[in-house]
């Protein structure tokens, strides 16, 4: 099992846990940068915006209280990202173009509104991205056969009986592999996913 867990959010409470902060940067940096690129923020401006967001997260994390409701951290991060983008836009450090030709300020307001389709899309993308990254991270915690059963059954969507026959095992072993990997994923994701 990897050295991390408890949950990343719990570990971030310790401002001296450099591994946890590195994991946060590794996990969220590329997601935030890709979001900036989609907004039309390019090159070093996208890197600067990513760093602005992560800097605010680090600075404000001690004040973050997780209300034990799904998506709380994701929503908090989305609001910080939108505010940092707005600040950079107002300071004329970036001149992004809002998707669909709308004005950028309206676009960011929509992003901050949890009921807006744009905000829900950001949440879906976040969850898919974070799930993929966490699955990559925990894969090393499992024997190859367990991972293969999980991948074919859960990720590839094949029926348990078909996976069992192809791998020379029982359908019950497929269900057990699924259960073990998902339990580990929930442990690793603690509070990050909706």
Protein backbone atom coordinates (compact mmCIF):
# COMPACT_ATOMS: atom_id res chain seq x y z
CA UNK A 1 0.00 0.00 0.00
CA UNK A 2 1.28 3.48 -0.79
CA UNK A 3 2.56 5.67 2.02
CA UNK A 4 -0.20 8.18 1.58
CA UNK A 5 -3.73 7.94 2.62
CA UNK A 6 -5.68 8.66 5.72
CA UNK A 7 -6.93 11.07 3.09
CA UNK A 8 -5.18 13.84 1.32
CA UNK A 9 -7.45 16.47 2.85
CA UNK A 10 -6.70 15.25 6.39
CA UNK A 11 -2.98 15.23 5.67
CA UNK A 12 -3.09 18.77 4.29
CA UNK A 13 -4.07 19.98 7.77
CA UNK A 14 -0.38 19.53 8.59
CA UNK A 15 1.26 22.44 6.79
CA UNK A 16 4.62 20.66 7.12
CA UNK A 17 3.50 17.48 5.30
CA UNK A 18 5.41 18.23 2.11
CA UNK A 19 4.39 14.92 0.51
CA UNK A 20 0.71 15.82 0.88
CA UNK A 21 1.23 19.27 -0.63
CA UNK A 22 3.24 17.76 -3.49
CA UNK A 23 0.40 15.30 -4.09
CA UNK A 24 -2.12 18.14 -4.17
CA UNK A 25 0.02 19.96 -6.73
CA UNK A 26 0.53 16.77 -8.76
CA UNK A 27 -3.16 15.91 -8.67
CA UNK A 28 -4.67 19.34 -9.27
CA UNK A 29 -2.01 21.32 -11.15
CA UNK A 30 -2.66 19.67 -14.53
CA UNK A 31 -6.44 19.90 -14.07
CA UNK A 32 -6.32 23.62 -13.29
CA UNK A 33 -3.91 24.26 -16.17
CA UNK A 34 -6.14 22.41 -18.64
CA UNK A 35 -9.10 24.46 -17.40
CA UNK A 36 -7.09 27.67 -17.99
CA UNK A 37 -6.18 26.51 -21.50
CA UNK A 38 -9.85 25.87 -22.28
CA UNK A 39 -10.58 29.44 -21.20
CA UNK A 40 -8.11 30.66 -23.78
CA UNK A 41 -5.35 31.44 -21.30
CA UNK A 42 -2.11 30.37 -23.00
CA UNK A 43 1.48 29.47 -22.21
CA UNK A 44 3.04 31.07 -19.18
CA UNK A 45 -0.26 32.85 -18.38
CA UNK A 46 -1.89 29.43 -17.91
CA UNK A 47 1.00 28.37 -15.66
CA UNK A 48 0.68 31.61 -13.69
CA UNK A 49 -3.06 31.12 -13.24
CA UNK A 50 -2.50 27.54 -12.08
CA UNK A 51 0.07 28.75 -9.55
CA UNK A 52 -2.26 31.55 -8.38
CA UNK A 53 -5.01 29.01 -7.70
CA UNK A 54 -2.72 26.60 -5.87
CA UNK A 55 -1.19 29.44 -3.84
CA UNK A 56 -4.65 30.52 -2.66
CA UNK A 57 -5.53 26.90 -1.84
CA UNK A 58 -2.38 26.58 0.29
CA UNK A 59 -2.98 29.93 2.01
CA UNK A 60 -6.67 29.39 2.68
CA UNK A 61 -6.68 25.64 3.37
CA UNK A 62 -6.43 26.06 7.16
CA UNK A 63 -9.80 27.88 6.99
CA UNK A 64 -11.45 25.18 4.86
CA UNK A 65 -13.92 23.17 6.91
CA UNK A 66 -15.25 20.16 5.08
CA UNK A 67 -19.00 20.01 5.80
CA UNK A 68 -19.12 16.26 4.98
CA UNK A 69 -21.25 16.87 1.93
CA UNK A 70 -20.23 15.45 -1.43
CA UNK A 71 -18.37 17.89 -3.63
CA UNK A 72 -17.52 20.43 -0.93
CA UNK A 73 -13.79 20.53 -1.70
CA UNK A 74 -14.46 20.45 -5.44
CA UNK A 75 -16.84 23.43 -5.13
CA UNK A 76 -14.40 25.31 -2.93
CA UNK A 77 -11.62 24.75 -5.47
CA UNK A 78 -13.90 25.78 -8.36
CA UNK A 79 -14.72 29.06 -6.58
CA UNK A 80 -11.03 29.78 -5.95
CA UNK A 81 -10.19 29.02 -9.59
CA UNK A 82 -12.95 31.33 -10.82
CA UNK A 83 -11.88 34.12 -8.44
CA UNK A 84 -8.23 33.82 -9.46
CA UNK A 85 -9.20 33.91 -13.15
CA UNK A 86 -11.38 36.97 -12.50
CA UNK A 87 -8.56 38.73 -10.62
CA UNK A 88 -6.07 38.00 -13.41
CA UNK A 89 -8.58 39.19 -16.03
CA UNK A 90 -9.37 42.42 -14.16
CA UNK A 91 -5.66 43.12 -13.65
CA UNK A 92 -5.22 42.64 -17.41
CA UNK A 93 -2.63 39.92 -16.79
CA UNK A 94 -4.64 37.58 -18.99
CA UNK A 95 -7.10 38.23 -21.78
CA UNK A 96 -8.97 34.97 -22.14
CA UNK A 97 -11.89 34.41 -24.42
CA UNK A 98 -14.96 32.85 -22.87
CA UNK A 99 -16.19 29.73 -24.66
CA UNK A 100 -19.18 30.36 -26.85
CA UNK A 101 -18.29 34.02 -27.37
CA UNK A 102 -19.85 35.20 -24.09
CA UNK A 103 -18.17 37.82 -21.97
CA UNK A 104 -15.62 36.39 -19.57
CA UNK A 105 -17.14 37.88 -16.41
CA UNK A 106 -20.51 36.27 -17.15
CA UNK A 107 -18.79 33.01 -17.91
CA UNK A 108 -17.03 33.03 -14.51
CA UNK A 109 -20.30 33.89 -12.74
CA UNK A 110 -21.90 30.85 -14.37
CA UNK A 111 -18.93 28.73 -13.28
CA UNK A 112 -19.43 29.82 -9.68
CA UNK A 113 -23.16 29.03 -9.67
CA UNK A 114 -23.52 25.39 -8.52
CA UNK A 115 -26.90 25.13 -10.29
CA UNK A 116 -25.53 26.22 -13.69
CA UNK A 117 -24.80 23.59 -16.36
CA UNK A 118 -21.28 24.99 -16.79
CA UNK A 119 -20.55 24.48 -13.09
CA UNK A 120 -21.95 20.95 -13.17
CA UNK A 121 -19.80 20.17 -16.22
CA UNK A 122 -16.72 21.42 -14.35
CA UNK A 123 -17.70 19.13 -11.44
CA UNK A 124 -18.09 16.12 -13.76
CA UNK A 125 -14.75 16.79 -15.41
CA UNK A 126 -13.13 17.19 -12.00
CA UNK A 127 -14.49 13.88 -10.76
CA UNK A 128 -13.49 11.95 -13.89
CA UNK A 129 -10.01 13.47 -13.89
CA UNK A 130 -9.38 12.94 -10.16
CA UNK A 131 -10.75 9.39 -10.29
CA UNK A 132 -8.41 8.51 -13.16
CA UNK A 133 -5.40 10.00 -11.40
CA UNK A 134 -6.22 8.25 -8.14
CA UNK A 135 -6.71 4.93 -9.94
CA UNK A 136 -3.27 5.37 -11.51
CA UNK A 137 -1.84 6.02 -8.06
CA UNK A 138 -3.42 3.03 -6.29
CA UNK A 139 -2.82 0.51 -9.09
CA UNK A 140 0.55 -0.39 -7.54
CA UNK A 141 -1.26 -1.47 -4.35
CA UNK A 142 -2.78 -4.50 -6.10
CA UNK A 143 -1.58 -7.72 -7.64
CA UNK A 144 -1.74 -7.72 -11.43
CA UNK A 145 -4.56 -10.29 -11.49
CA UNK A 146 -6.73 -8.27 -9.08
CA UNK A 147 -6.22 -5.14 -11.17
CA UNK A 148 -6.95 -7.00 -14.42
CA UNK A 149 -10.24 -8.32 -13.02
CA UNK A 150 -11.20 -4.85 -11.81
CA UNK A 151 -10.22 -3.17 -15.07
CA UNK A 152 -12.12 -5.56 -17.29
CA UNK A 153 -15.22 -5.59 -15.09
CA UNK A 154 -15.47 -1.98 -13.92
CA UNK A 155 -13.50 0.12 -16.38
CA UNK A 156 -14.14 -1.90 -19.53
CA UNK A 157 -17.70 -2.82 -18.54
CA UNK A 158 -17.49 -6.51 -19.34
CA UNK A 159 -19.86 -8.92 -17.55
CA UNK A 160 -18.37 -10.63 -14.49
CA UNK A 161 -18.92 -14.09 -15.97
CA UNK A 162 -17.04 -13.14 -19.15
CA UNK A 163 -14.14 -11.64 -17.18
CA UNK A 164 -13.99 -14.69 -14.92
CA UNK A 165 -13.93 -17.10 -17.87
CA UNK A 166 -11.23 -15.10 -19.68
CA UNK A 167 -9.05 -14.90 -16.57
CA UNK A 168 -9.61 -18.45 -15.34
CA UNK A 169 -11.33 -17.56 -12.11
CA UNK A 170 -14.80 -17.33 -10.60
CA UNK A 171 -17.30 -14.47 -10.92
CA UNK A 172 -17.05 -14.13 -7.14
CA UNK A 173 -13.32 -13.35 -7.49
CA UNK A 174 -14.25 -10.60 -9.97
CA UNK A 175 -16.69 -9.07 -7.48
CA UNK A 176 -14.10 -9.29 -4.71
CA UNK A 177 -11.49 -7.55 -6.90
CA UNK A 178 -14.00 -4.80 -7.65
CA UNK A 179 -14.82 -4.38 -3.98
CA UNK A 180 -11.18 -4.20 -2.90
CA UNK A 181 -10.14 -1.66 -5.52
CA UNK A 182 -13.20 0.55 -4.97
CA UNK A 183 -12.67 0.46 -1.19
CA UNK A 184 -9.08 1.57 -1.69
CA UNK A 185 -10.20 4.27 -4.15
CA UNK A 186 -12.74 5.61 -1.62
CA UNK A 187 -10.03 5.68 1.04
CA UNK A 188 -7.61 7.54 -1.23
CA UNK A 189 -10.29 9.93 -2.50
CA UNK A 190 -11.66 10.79 0.94
CA UNK A 191 -13.49 14.09 0.48
CA UNK A 192 -12.12 14.89 -2.99
CA UNK A 193 -14.92 13.46 -5.09
CA UNK A 194 -18.63 14.29 -5.23
